[in-house]
Amino acid sequence: MDILELLKVIFLGIVEGITEWLPISSTGHLILTDEFIKLNVTDEFMQMFMVVIQLGAIMAVVVLYWSKLWPFQNNPREKGIYRYCNREKWILWFKILVACIPAIVIGLPLNDFLEEHLNNYVVVALMLILYGVLFIIIENRNRKRRPKIRRLEQLDFLTAFKIGLFQVLSLIPGTSRSGSTIIGGILVGTSRTVAAEFTFFLAIPVMFGASLLKLVKFGFAFTGTELIILIVGMLVAFVVSIISIKFLMGYIKKNDFKVFGWYRIILGILVLGYFVGKTVLGA
């Protein structure tokens, strides 16, 4: 693999690491980036790469939030199974699994159909604009409202399930998985911080499952170049995701999500303008 191809992979990893956690659609950005920066790989590998690269971003969550997520312990002050298992963290994982149910029941059967029919610039652009408008409307609506759920421990199973329902919307390219679940969290009464953190945690089983399905569908017979592309992409996405997550959590403590809404609207308009112009000029 030459240096130019390596630089392309690094750039894609940077795009993934930034956009996976900011509510601006990582898949949408990767689709658009691929329009201008094309790797010298097969279409089948690229479709798999677009999903599996997200494993690097997911590992950033695992590393940053290990203390909140690891459910095992050795606490002599507790009795029975609770000496070795942290009940609060196990409950959190059960809430995460409950929130995954809609994606499993609704998302899995529709995934191939939606990918085949909606994976295009028109849908991506329209979803960027639509959810940008929603972010602005919802933030204005909630400006003077005090969230009912301000800590993860206050998040009940029903609320977790409702957030999981919003996650299903992210099957449409350009929507943003983090964007849809953060909007859902805010609408059902969580603070921005709780909505963002639960979105991070919810991504772990969802993206591991999606990546596994893509790998199985593609097969594990990688060429040496394909393996390097996959590993480099995930490593870059991992490092950039750590920076991105820290930035987002610091930002939302003092600011709302409206800036991301405006960004989505502007980007969506630019995308439509670019592709319509390209179609007209090419006609």
C-alpha atoms as a PDB file:
ATOM      1  CA  MET A   1       0.000   0.000   0.000  1.00  0.00           C
ATOM      2  CA  ASP A   2       1.466   3.377  -1.020  1.00  0.00           C
ATOM      3  CA  ILE A   3       1.633   6.476   1.173  1.00  0.00           C
ATOM      4  CA  LEU A   4      -1.325   8.172  -0.582  1.00  0.00           C
ATOM      5  CA  GLU A   5      -3.666   5.285   0.237  1.00  0.00           C
ATOM      6  CA  LEU A   6      -2.433   5.313   3.839  1.00  0.00           C
ATOM      7  CA  LEU A   7      -3.151   9.041   4.124  1.00  0.00           C
ATOM      8  CA  LYS A   8      -6.673   8.427   2.785  1.00  0.00           C
ATOM      9  CA  VAL A   9      -7.285   5.780   5.472  1.00  0.00           C
ATOM     10  CA  ILE A  10      -5.968   8.115   8.185  1.00  0.00           C
ATOM     11  CA  PHE A  11      -8.287  10.869   6.971  1.00  0.00           C
ATOM     12  CA  LEU A  12     -11.290   8.513   7.016  1.00  0.00           C
ATOM     13  CA  GLY A  13     -10.358   7.465  10.553  1.00  0.00           C
ATOM     14  CA  ILE A  14     -10.247  11.113  11.620  1.00  0.00           C
ATOM     15  CA  VAL A  15     -13.667  11.744  10.068  1.00  0.00           C
ATOM     16  CA  GLU A  16     -15.105   8.690  11.836  1.00  0.00           C
ATOM     17  CA  GLY A  17     -13.565   9.598  15.194  1.00  0.00           C
ATOM     18  CA  ILE A  18     -15.000  13.122  15.091  1.00  0.00           C
ATOM     19  CA  THR A  19     -18.427  12.419  13.638  1.00  0.00           C
ATOM     20  CA  GLU A  20     -19.321   9.190  15.463  1.00  0.00           C
ATOM     21  CA  TRP A  21     -19.927  11.030  18.738  1.00  0.00           C
ATOM     22  CA  LEU A  22     -20.895  14.499  17.636  1.00  0.00           C
ATOM     23  CA  PRO A  23     -24.565  14.408  16.536  1.00  0.00           C
ATOM     24  CA  ILE A  24     -23.760  15.109  12.879  1.00  0.00           C
ATOM     25  CA  SER A  25     -23.893  11.602  11.305  1.00  0.00           C
ATOM     26  CA  SER A  26     -20.689   9.602  10.926  1.00  0.00           C
ATOM     27  CA  THR A  27     -22.133   7.380   8.175  1.00  0.00           C
ATOM     28  CA  GLY A  28     -23.308  10.431   6.259  1.00  0.00           C
ATOM     29  CA  HIS A  29     -19.884  12.046   6.482  1.00  0.00           C
ATOM     30  CA  LEU A  30     -18.107   8.848   5.429  1.00  0.00           C
ATOM     31  CA  ILE A  31     -20.415   8.485   2.418  1.00  0.00           C
ATOM     32  CA  LEU A  32     -19.705  12.072   1.432  1.00  0.00           C
ATOM     33  CA  THR A  33     -15.973  11.739   2.069  1.00  0.00           C
ATOM     34  CA  ASP A  34     -15.906   8.670  -0.175  1.00  0.00           C
ATOM     35  CA  GLU A  35     -17.189  10.874  -2.994  1.00  0.00           C
ATOM     36  CA  PHE A  36     -13.932  12.802  -2.949  1.00  0.00           C
ATOM     37  CA  ILE A  37     -11.443  10.376  -1.383  1.00  0.00           C
ATOM     38  CA  LYS A  38     -11.820   6.918  -2.838  1.00  0.00           C
ATOM     39  CA  LEU A  39      -9.771   4.027  -1.522  1.00  0.00           C
ATOM     40  CA  ASN A  40      -8.422   1.560  -4.046  1.00  0.00           C
ATOM     41  CA  VAL A  41     -10.575  -1.296  -2.726  1.00  0.00           C
ATOM     42  CA  THR A  42     -13.630  -3.252  -3.818  1.00  0.00           C
ATOM     43  CA  ASP A  43     -17.135  -1.905  -3.185  1.00  0.00           C
ATOM     44  CA  GLU A  44     -17.830  -4.883  -0.913  1.00  0.00           C
ATOM     45  CA  PHE A  45     -14.805  -4.121   1.274  1.00  0.00           C
ATOM     46  CA  MET A  46     -15.664  -0.407   1.423  1.00  0.00           C
ATOM     47  CA  GLN A  47     -19.216  -1.131   2.592  1.00  0.00           C
ATOM     48  CA  MET A  48     -17.834  -3.352   5.333  1.00  0.00           C
ATOM     49  CA  PHE A  49     -15.101  -0.840   6.230  1.00  0.00           C
ATOM     50  CA  MET A  50     -17.654   1.974   6.684  1.00  0.00           C
ATOM     51  CA  VAL A  51     -19.228  -0.010   9.535  1.00  0.00           C
ATOM     52  CA  VAL A  52     -16.313  -1.900  11.086  1.00  0.00           C
ATOM     53  CA  ILE A  53     -14.141   1.224  11.407  1.00  0.00           C
ATOM     54  CA  GLN A  54     -16.610   2.273  14.099  1.00  0.00           C
ATOM     55  CA  LEU A  55     -15.180  -0.426  16.381  1.00  0.00           C
ATOM     56  CA  GLY A  56     -12.224   1.875  16.987  1.00  0.00           C
ATOM     57  CA  ALA A  57     -14.584   4.617  18.109  1.00  0.00           C
ATOM     58  CA  ILE A  58     -16.469   2.195  20.371  1.00  0.00           C
ATOM     59  CA  MET A  59     -13.257   1.101  22.099  1.00  0.00           C
ATOM     60  CA  ALA A  60     -12.665   4.748  23.030  1.00  0.00           C
ATOM     61  CA  VAL A  61     -15.913   4.641  25.044  1.00  0.00           C
ATOM     62  CA  VAL A  62     -14.847   1.421  26.747  1.00  0.00           C
ATOM     63  CA  VAL A  63     -11.497   2.942  27.745  1.00  0.00           C
ATOM     64  CA  LEU A  64     -12.851   6.318  28.895  1.00  0.00           C
ATOM     65  CA  TYR A  65     -15.802   4.892  30.836  1.00  0.00           C
ATOM     66  CA  TRP A  66     -14.269   1.639  32.069  1.00  0.00           C
ATOM     67  CA  SER A  67     -14.881   2.495  35.723  1.00  0.00           C
ATOM     68  CA  LYS A  68     -18.573   3.118  35.033  1.00  0.00           C
ATOM     69  CA  LEU A  69     -19.055   0.044  32.847  1.00  0.00           C
ATOM     70  CA  TRP A  70     -17.004  -2.837  34.310  1.00  0.00           C
ATOM     71  CA  PRO A  71     -19.566  -4.754  36.412  1.00  0.00           C
ATOM     72  CA  PHE A  72     -17.228  -7.005  38.383  1.00  0.00           C
ATOM     73  CA  GLN A  73     -15.539  -6.186  41.680  1.00  0.00           C
ATOM     74  CA  ASN A  74     -13.936  -7.662  44.766  1.00  0.00           C
ATOM     75  CA  ASN A  75     -15.600  -6.000  47.727  1.00  0.00           C
ATOM     76  CA  PRO A  76     -15.291  -7.940  51.030  1.00  0.00           C
ATOM     77  CA  ARG A  77     -17.896  -5.674  52.640  1.00  0.00           C
ATOM     78  CA  GLU A  78     -20.616  -7.129  50.401  1.00  0.00           C
ATOM     79  CA  LYS A  79     -22.117 -10.595  50.799  1.00  0.00           C
ATOM     80  CA  GLY A  80     -22.857 -13.371  48.327  1.00  0.00           C
ATOM     81  CA  ILE A  81     -22.711 -12.620  44.632  1.00  0.00           C
ATOM     82  CA  TYR A  82     -22.571  -8.883  45.297  1.00  0.00           C
ATOM     83  CA  ARG A  83     -19.072  -9.310  46.659  1.00  0.00           C
ATOM     84  CA  TYR A  84     -17.961  -9.946  43.080  1.00  0.00           C
ATOM     85  CA  CYS A  85     -20.649  -8.128  41.078  1.00  0.00           C
ATOM     86  CA  ASN A  86     -21.499  -4.440  41.275  1.00  0.00           C
ATOM     87  CA  ARG A  87     -25.297  -4.375  41.244  1.00  0.00           C
ATOM     88  CA  GLU A  88     -25.614  -0.767  39.993  1.00  0.00           C
ATOM     89  CA  LYS A  89     -23.403  -1.467  36.998  1.00  0.00           C
ATOM     90  CA  TRP A  90     -25.227  -4.693  36.193  1.00  0.00           C
ATOM     91  CA  ILE A  91     -28.514  -2.789  36.309  1.00  0.00           C
ATOM     92  CA  LEU A  92     -27.022  -0.221  33.913  1.00  0.00           C
ATOM     93  CA  TRP A  93     -26.081  -3.005  31.493  1.00  0.00           C
ATOM     94  CA  PHE A  94     -29.599  -4.447  31.681  1.00  0.00           C
ATOM     95  CA  LYS A  95     -30.965  -0.989  30.821  1.00  0.00           C
ATOM     96  CA  ILE A  96     -28.587  -0.827  27.855  1.00  0.00           C
ATOM     97  CA  LEU A  97     -29.780  -4.246  26.668  1.00  0.00           C
ATOM     98  CA  VAL A  98     -33.429  -3.184  27.025  1.00  0.00           C
ATOM     99  CA  ALA A  99     -32.678  -0.110  24.922  1.00  0.00           C
ATOM    100  CA  CYS A 100     -31.151  -2.382  22.248  1.00  0.00           C
ATOM    101  CA  ILE A 101     -34.374  -4.379  21.789  1.00  0.00           C
ATOM    102  CA  PRO A 102     -35.974  -1.999  19.220  1.00  0.00           C
ATOM    103  CA  ALA A 103     -32.813  -2.000  17.079  1.00  0.00           C
ATOM    104  CA  ILE A 104     -32.731  -5.812  17.134  1.00  0.00           C
ATOM    105  CA  VAL A 105     -36.438  -6.368  16.475  1.00  0.00           C
ATOM    106  CA  ILE A 106     -36.972  -3.552  13.963  1.00  0.00           C
ATOM    107  CA  GLY A 107     -33.498  -2.724  12.700  1.00  0.00           C
ATOM    108  CA  LEU A 108     -32.101  -6.121  11.779  1.00  0.00           C
ATOM    109  CA  PRO A 109     -34.914  -7.137   9.378  1.00  0.00           C
ATOM    110  CA  LEU A 110     -34.869  -3.730   7.659  1.00  0.00           C
ATOM    111  CA  ASN A 111     -31.120  -3.112   7.587  1.00  0.00           C
ATOM    112  CA  ASP A 112     -30.334  -4.520   4.127  1.00  0.00           C
ATOM    113  CA  PHE A 113     -33.433  -2.943   2.555  1.00  0.00           C
ATOM    114  CA  LEU A 114     -32.694   0.511   3.975  1.00  0.00           C
ATOM    115  CA  GLU A 115     -29.018   0.289   3.037  1.00  0.00           C
ATOM    116  CA  GLU A 116     -29.912  -0.650  -0.538  1.00  0.00           C
ATOM    117  CA  HIS A 117     -32.605   1.972  -1.101  1.00  0.00           C
ATOM    118  CA  LEU A 118     -31.698   4.916   1.153  1.00  0.00           C
ATOM    119  CA  ASN A 119     -27.907   5.015   1.016  1.00  0.00           C
ATOM    120  CA  ASN A 120     -27.732   8.039  -1.313  1.00  0.00           C
ATOM    121  CA  TYR A 121     -26.922  11.745  -1.173  1.00  0.00           C
ATOM    122  CA  VAL A 122     -30.555  12.929  -1.302  1.00  0.00           C
ATOM    123  CA  VAL A 123     -31.537  11.007   1.826  1.00  0.00           C
ATOM    124  CA  VAL A 124     -28.306  11.946   3.624  1.00  0.00           C
ATOM    125  CA  ALA A 125     -28.762  15.645   2.861  1.00  0.00           C
ATOM    126  CA  LEU A 126     -32.445  15.706   3.813  1.00  0.00           C
ATOM    127  CA  MET A 127     -31.785  13.907   7.111  1.00  0.00           C
ATOM    128  CA  LEU A 128     -28.918  16.265   7.910  1.00  0.00           C
ATOM    129  CA  ILE A 129     -31.272  19.222   7.426  1.00  0.00           C
ATOM    130  CA  LEU A 130     -34.295  17.664   9.145  1.00  0.00           C
ATOM    131  CA  TYR A 131     -32.455  16.675  12.324  1.00  0.00           C
ATOM    132  CA  GLY A 132     -30.609  19.979  12.338  1.00  0.00           C
ATOM    133  CA  VAL A 133     -33.973  21.757  12.474  1.00  0.00           C
ATOM    134  CA  LEU A 134     -35.173  19.356  15.179  1.00  0.00           C
ATOM    135  CA  PHE A 135     -32.140  20.057  17.363  1.00  0.00           C
ATOM    136  CA  ILE A 136     -32.817  23.790  17.206  1.00  0.00           C
ATOM    137  CA  ILE A 137     -36.564  23.408  17.877  1.00  0.00           C
ATOM    138  CA  ILE A 138     -36.071  20.968  20.763  1.00  0.00           C
ATOM    139  CA  GLU A 139     -33.345  23.048  22.411  1.00  0.00           C
ATOM    140  CA  ASN A 140     -35.518  26.173  22.171  1.00  0.00           C
ATOM    141  CA  ARG A 141     -38.453  24.223  23.608  1.00  0.00           C
ATOM    142  CA  ASN A 142     -36.387  22.941  26.521  1.00  0.00           C
ATOM    143  CA  ARG A 143     -34.593  26.209  27.269  1.00  0.00           C
ATOM    144  CA  LYS A 144     -36.506  26.853  30.506  1.00  0.00           C
ATOM    145  CA  ARG A 145     -37.319  23.244  31.376  1.00  0.00           C
ATOM    146  CA  ARG A 146     -35.451  21.384  34.077  1.00  0.00           C
ATOM    147  CA  PRO A 147     -34.699  17.758  33.115  1.00  0.00           C
ATOM    148  CA  LYS A 148     -36.234  15.093  35.356  1.00  0.00           C
ATOM    149  CA  ILE A 149     -33.278  12.718  34.949  1.00  0.00           C
ATOM    150  CA  ARG A 150     -29.934  14.341  35.737  1.00  0.00           C
ATOM    151  CA  ARG A 151     -27.916  11.238  36.693  1.00  0.00           C
ATOM    152  CA  LEU A 152     -27.591   7.841  34.987  1.00  0.00           C
ATOM    153  CA  GLU A 153     -28.818   6.134  38.169  1.00  0.00           C
ATOM    154  CA  GLN A 154     -32.170   7.921  37.759  1.00  0.00           C
ATOM    155  CA  LEU A 155     -32.700   6.456  34.284  1.00  0.00           C
ATOM    156  CA  ASP A 156     -35.414   3.781  34.540  1.00  0.00           C
ATOM    157  CA  PHE A 157     -36.017   0.830  32.214  1.00  0.00           C
ATOM    158  CA  LEU A 158     -38.988   2.418  30.436  1.00  0.00           C
ATOM    159  CA  THR A 159     -37.038   5.576  29.652  1.00  0.00           C
ATOM    160  CA  ALA A 160     -34.120   3.469  28.402  1.00  0.00           C
ATOM    161  CA  PHE A 161     -36.506   1.584  26.097  1.00  0.00           C
ATOM    162  CA  LYS A 162     -37.930   4.862  24.750  1.00  0.00           C
ATOM    163  CA  ILE A 163     -34.417   6.082  23.939  1.00  0.00           C
ATOM    164  CA  GLY A 164     -33.845   2.750  22.176  1.00  0.00           C
ATOM    165  CA  LEU A 165     -36.875   3.445  19.991  1.00  0.00           C
ATOM    166  CA  PHE A 166     -35.305   6.695  18.842  1.00  0.00           C
ATOM    167  CA  GLN A 167     -32.126   4.799  17.993  1.00  0.00           C
ATOM    168  CA  VAL A 168     -34.034   2.902  15.280  1.00  0.00           C
ATOM    169  CA  LEU A 169     -34.345   6.189  13.375  1.00  0.00           C
ATOM    170  CA  SER A 170     -30.573   6.167  12.862  1.00  0.00           C
ATOM    171  CA  LEU A 171     -30.947   3.314  10.356  1.00  0.00           C
ATOM    172  CA  ILE A 172     -31.664   6.045   7.815  1.00  0.00           C
ATOM    173  CA  PRO A 173     -28.311   7.373   6.508  1.00  0.00           C
ATOM    174  CA  GLY A 174     -27.600  10.954   7.521  1.00  0.00           C
ATOM    175  CA  THR A 175     -29.699  10.744  10.671  1.00  0.00           C
ATOM    176  CA  SER A 176     -26.845  10.084  13.156  1.00  0.00           C
ATOM    177  CA  ARG A 177     -27.159   7.381  15.784  1.00  0.00           C
ATOM    178  CA  SER A 178     -25.911   9.711  18.500  1.00  0.00           C
ATOM    179  CA  GLY A 179     -28.125  12.495  17.170  1.00  0.00           C
ATOM    180  CA  SER A 180     -31.329  10.447  17.241  1.00  0.00           C
ATOM    181  CA  THR A 181     -30.701   8.997  20.720  1.00  0.00           C
ATOM    182  CA  ILE A 182     -29.628  12.338  22.185  1.00  0.00           C
ATOM    183  CA  ILE A 183     -32.781  13.973  20.807  1.00  0.00           C
ATOM    184  CA  GLY A 184     -34.776  11.050  22.194  1.00  0.00           C
ATOM    185  CA  GLY A 185     -33.127  11.355  25.591  1.00  0.00           C
ATOM    186  CA  ILE A 186     -33.834  15.074  25.837  1.00  0.00           C
ATOM    187  CA  LEU A 187     -37.470  14.574  24.746  1.00  0.00           C
ATOM    188  CA  VAL A 188     -38.103  11.908  27.414  1.00  0.00           C
ATOM    189  CA  GLY A 189     -36.663  14.090  30.163  1.00  0.00           C
ATOM    190  CA  THR A 190     -32.938  13.417  30.541  1.00  0.00           C
ATOM    191  CA  SER A 191     -30.239  16.048  30.830  1.00  0.00           C
ATOM    192  CA  ARG A 192     -27.858  16.549  27.905  1.00  0.00           C
ATOM    193  CA  THR A 193     -25.079  14.832  29.849  1.00  0.00           C
ATOM    194  CA  VAL A 194     -27.171  11.746  30.646  1.00  0.00           C
ATOM    195  CA  ALA A 195     -28.476  11.587  27.068  1.00  0.00           C
ATOM    196  CA  ALA A 196     -24.922  11.756  25.679  1.00  0.00           C
ATOM    197  CA  GLU A 197     -23.437   9.201  28.100  1.00  0.00           C
ATOM    198  CA  PHE A 198     -26.251   6.712  27.605  1.00  0.00           C
ATOM    199  CA  THR A 199     -25.828   7.172  23.854  1.00  0.00           C
ATOM    200  CA  PHE A 200     -22.152   6.262  24.211  1.00  0.00           C
ATOM    201  CA  PHE A 201     -22.949   3.140  26.234  1.00  0.00           C
ATOM    202  CA  LEU A 202     -25.774   2.086  23.948  1.00  0.00           C
ATOM    203  CA  ALA A 203     -23.367   2.183  21.006  1.00  0.00           C
ATOM    204  CA  ILE A 204     -21.188  -0.594  22.470  1.00  0.00           C
ATOM    205  CA  PRO A 205     -23.456  -3.633  21.892  1.00  0.00           C
ATOM    206  CA  VAL A 206     -25.153  -2.102  18.841  1.00  0.00           C
ATOM    207  CA  MET A 207     -21.954  -1.359  16.940  1.00  0.00           C
ATOM    208  CA  PHE A 208     -20.211  -4.552  18.012  1.00  0.00           C
ATOM    209  CA  GLY A 209     -23.212  -6.472  16.697  1.00  0.00           C
ATOM    210  CA  ALA A 210     -23.397  -4.471  13.451  1.00  0.00           C
ATOM    211  CA  SER A 211     -19.653  -4.898  12.862  1.00  0.00           C
ATOM    212  CA  LEU A 212     -19.830  -8.641  13.484  1.00  0.00           C
ATOM    213  CA  LEU A 213     -22.666  -9.015  10.977  1.00  0.00           C
ATOM    214  CA  LYS A 214     -20.703  -7.041   8.374  1.00  0.00           C
ATOM    215  CA  LEU A 215     -17.565  -9.110   8.967  1.00  0.00           C
ATOM    216  CA  VAL A 216     -19.471 -12.382   8.688  1.00  0.00           C
ATOM    217  CA  LYS A 217     -21.201 -11.197   5.518  1.00  0.00           C
ATOM    218  CA  PHE A 218     -17.898 -10.060   3.975  1.00  0.00           C
ATOM    219  CA  GLY A 219     -15.902 -13.051   5.199  1.00  0.00           C
ATOM    220  CA  PHE A 220     -12.591 -13.032   7.041  1.00  0.00           C
ATOM    221  CA  ALA A 221     -10.334 -13.662   4.022  1.00  0.00           C
ATOM    222  CA  PHE A 222      -8.650 -10.263   3.985  1.00  0.00           C
ATOM    223  CA  THR A 223      -5.716  -9.424   1.786  1.00  0.00           C
ATOM    224  CA  GLY A 224      -2.683  -7.933   3.537  1.00  0.00           C
ATOM    225  CA  THR A 225      -3.583  -4.456   2.272  1.00  0.00           C
ATOM    226  CA  GLU A 226      -7.217  -4.755   3.396  1.00  0.00           C
ATOM    227  CA  LEU A 227      -6.128  -5.823   6.875  1.00  0.00           C
ATOM    228  CA  ILE A 228      -3.761  -2.837   7.169  1.00  0.00           C
ATOM    229  CA  ILE A 229      -6.531  -0.472   6.013  1.00  0.00           C
ATOM    230  CA  LEU A 230      -8.947  -1.867   8.591  1.00  0.00           C
ATOM    231  CA  ILE A 231      -6.471  -1.761  11.497  1.00  0.00           C
ATOM    232  CA  VAL A 232      -5.136   1.724  10.704  1.00  0.00           C
ATOM    233  CA  GLY A 233      -8.653   3.088  10.248  1.00  0.00           C
ATOM    234  CA  MET A 234      -9.804   1.718  13.605  1.00  0.00           C
ATOM    235  CA  LEU A 235      -6.685   2.908  15.458  1.00  0.00           C
ATOM    236  CA  VAL A 236      -7.033   6.447  14.129  1.00  0.00           C
ATOM    237  CA  ALA A 237     -10.769   6.448  14.901  1.00  0.00           C
ATOM    238  CA  PHE A 238      -9.961   5.271  18.456  1.00  0.00           C
ATOM    239  CA  VAL A 239      -7.478   8.074  19.182  1.00  0.00           C
ATOM    240  CA  VAL A 240      -9.609  10.813  17.607  1.00  0.00           C
ATOM    241  CA  SER A 241     -12.755   9.504  19.380  1.00  0.00           C
ATOM    242  CA  ILE A 242     -11.138   9.951  22.784  1.00  0.00           C
ATOM    243  CA  ILE A 243     -10.507  13.617  21.957  1.00  0.00           C
ATOM    244  CA  SER A 244     -13.978  14.023  20.434  1.00  0.00           C
ATOM    245  CA  ILE A 245     -15.818  12.507  23.427  1.00  0.00           C
ATOM    246  CA  LYS A 246     -13.897  14.642  25.920  1.00  0.00           C
ATOM    247  CA  PHE A 247     -14.640  17.736  23.856  1.00  0.00           C
ATOM    248  CA  LEU A 248     -18.375  16.958  23.591  1.00  0.00           C
ATOM    249  CA  MET A 249     -18.827  16.256  27.321  1.00  0.00           C
ATOM    250  CA  GLY A 250     -17.010  19.461  28.203  1.00  0.00           C
ATOM    251  CA  TYR A 251     -18.951  21.465  25.624  1.00  0.00           C
ATOM    252  CA  ILE A 252     -22.479  20.415  26.633  1.00  0.00           C
ATOM    253  CA  LYS A 253     -21.896  21.275  30.295  1.00  0.00           C
ATOM    254  CA  LYS A 254     -22.050  24.943  29.280  1.00  0.00           C
ATOM    255  CA  ASN A 255     -23.754  24.898  25.876  1.00  0.00           C
ATOM    256  CA  ASP A 256     -26.695  23.339  24.057  1.00  0.00           C
ATOM    257  CA  PHE A 257     -26.796  21.346  20.797  1.00  0.00           C
ATOM    258  CA  LYS A 258     -28.041  24.148  18.538  1.00  0.00           C
ATOM    259  CA  VAL A 259     -24.630  24.742  16.975  1.00  0.00           C
ATOM    260  CA  PHE A 260     -24.706  21.136  15.710  1.00  0.00           C
ATOM    261  CA  GLY A 261     -28.196  21.769  14.354  1.00  0.00           C
ATOM    262  CA  TRP A 262     -26.988  24.746  12.307  1.00  0.00           C
ATOM    263  CA  TYR A 263     -23.967  22.780  11.134  1.00  0.00           C
ATOM    264  CA  ARG A 264     -26.220  19.977   9.887  1.00  0.00           C
ATOM    265  CA  ILE A 265     -28.503  22.389   8.046  1.00  0.00           C
ATOM    266  CA  ILE A 266     -25.627  24.165   6.290  1.00  0.00           C
ATOM    267  CA  LEU A 267     -23.895  20.894   5.396  1.00  0.00           C
ATOM    268  CA  GLY A 268     -27.149  19.383   4.092  1.00  0.00           C
ATOM    269  CA  ILE A 269     -27.761  22.386   1.833  1.00  0.00           C
ATOM    270  CA  LEU A 270     -24.174  22.239   0.535  1.00  0.00           C
ATOM    271  CA  VAL A 271     -24.491  18.514  -0.159  1.00  0.00           C
ATOM    272  CA  LEU A 272     -27.727  18.983  -2.111  1.00  0.00           C
ATOM    273  CA  GLY A 273     -26.239  21.867  -4.028  1.00  0.00           C
ATOM    274  CA  TYR A 274     -23.081  19.960  -4.905  1.00  0.00           C
ATOM    275  CA  PHE A 275     -24.775  16.789  -6.131  1.00  0.00           C
ATOM    276  CA  VAL A 276     -27.584  18.587  -7.974  1.00  0.00           C
ATOM    277  CA  GLY A 277     -24.998  20.752  -9.696  1.00  0.00           C
ATOM    278  CA  LYS A 278     -22.926  17.693 -10.545  1.00  0.00           C
ATOM    279  CA  THR A 279     -26.008  15.968 -11.998  1.00  0.00           C
ATOM    280  CA  VAL A 280     -26.996  19.010 -14.063  1.00  0.00           C
ATOM    281  CA  LEU A 281     -23.489  19.570 -15.411  1.00  0.00           C
ATOM    282  CA  GLY A 282     -23.107  15.896 -16.168  1.00  0.00           C
ATOM    283  CA  ALA A 283     -26.415  15.704 -18.016  1.00  0.00           C
END
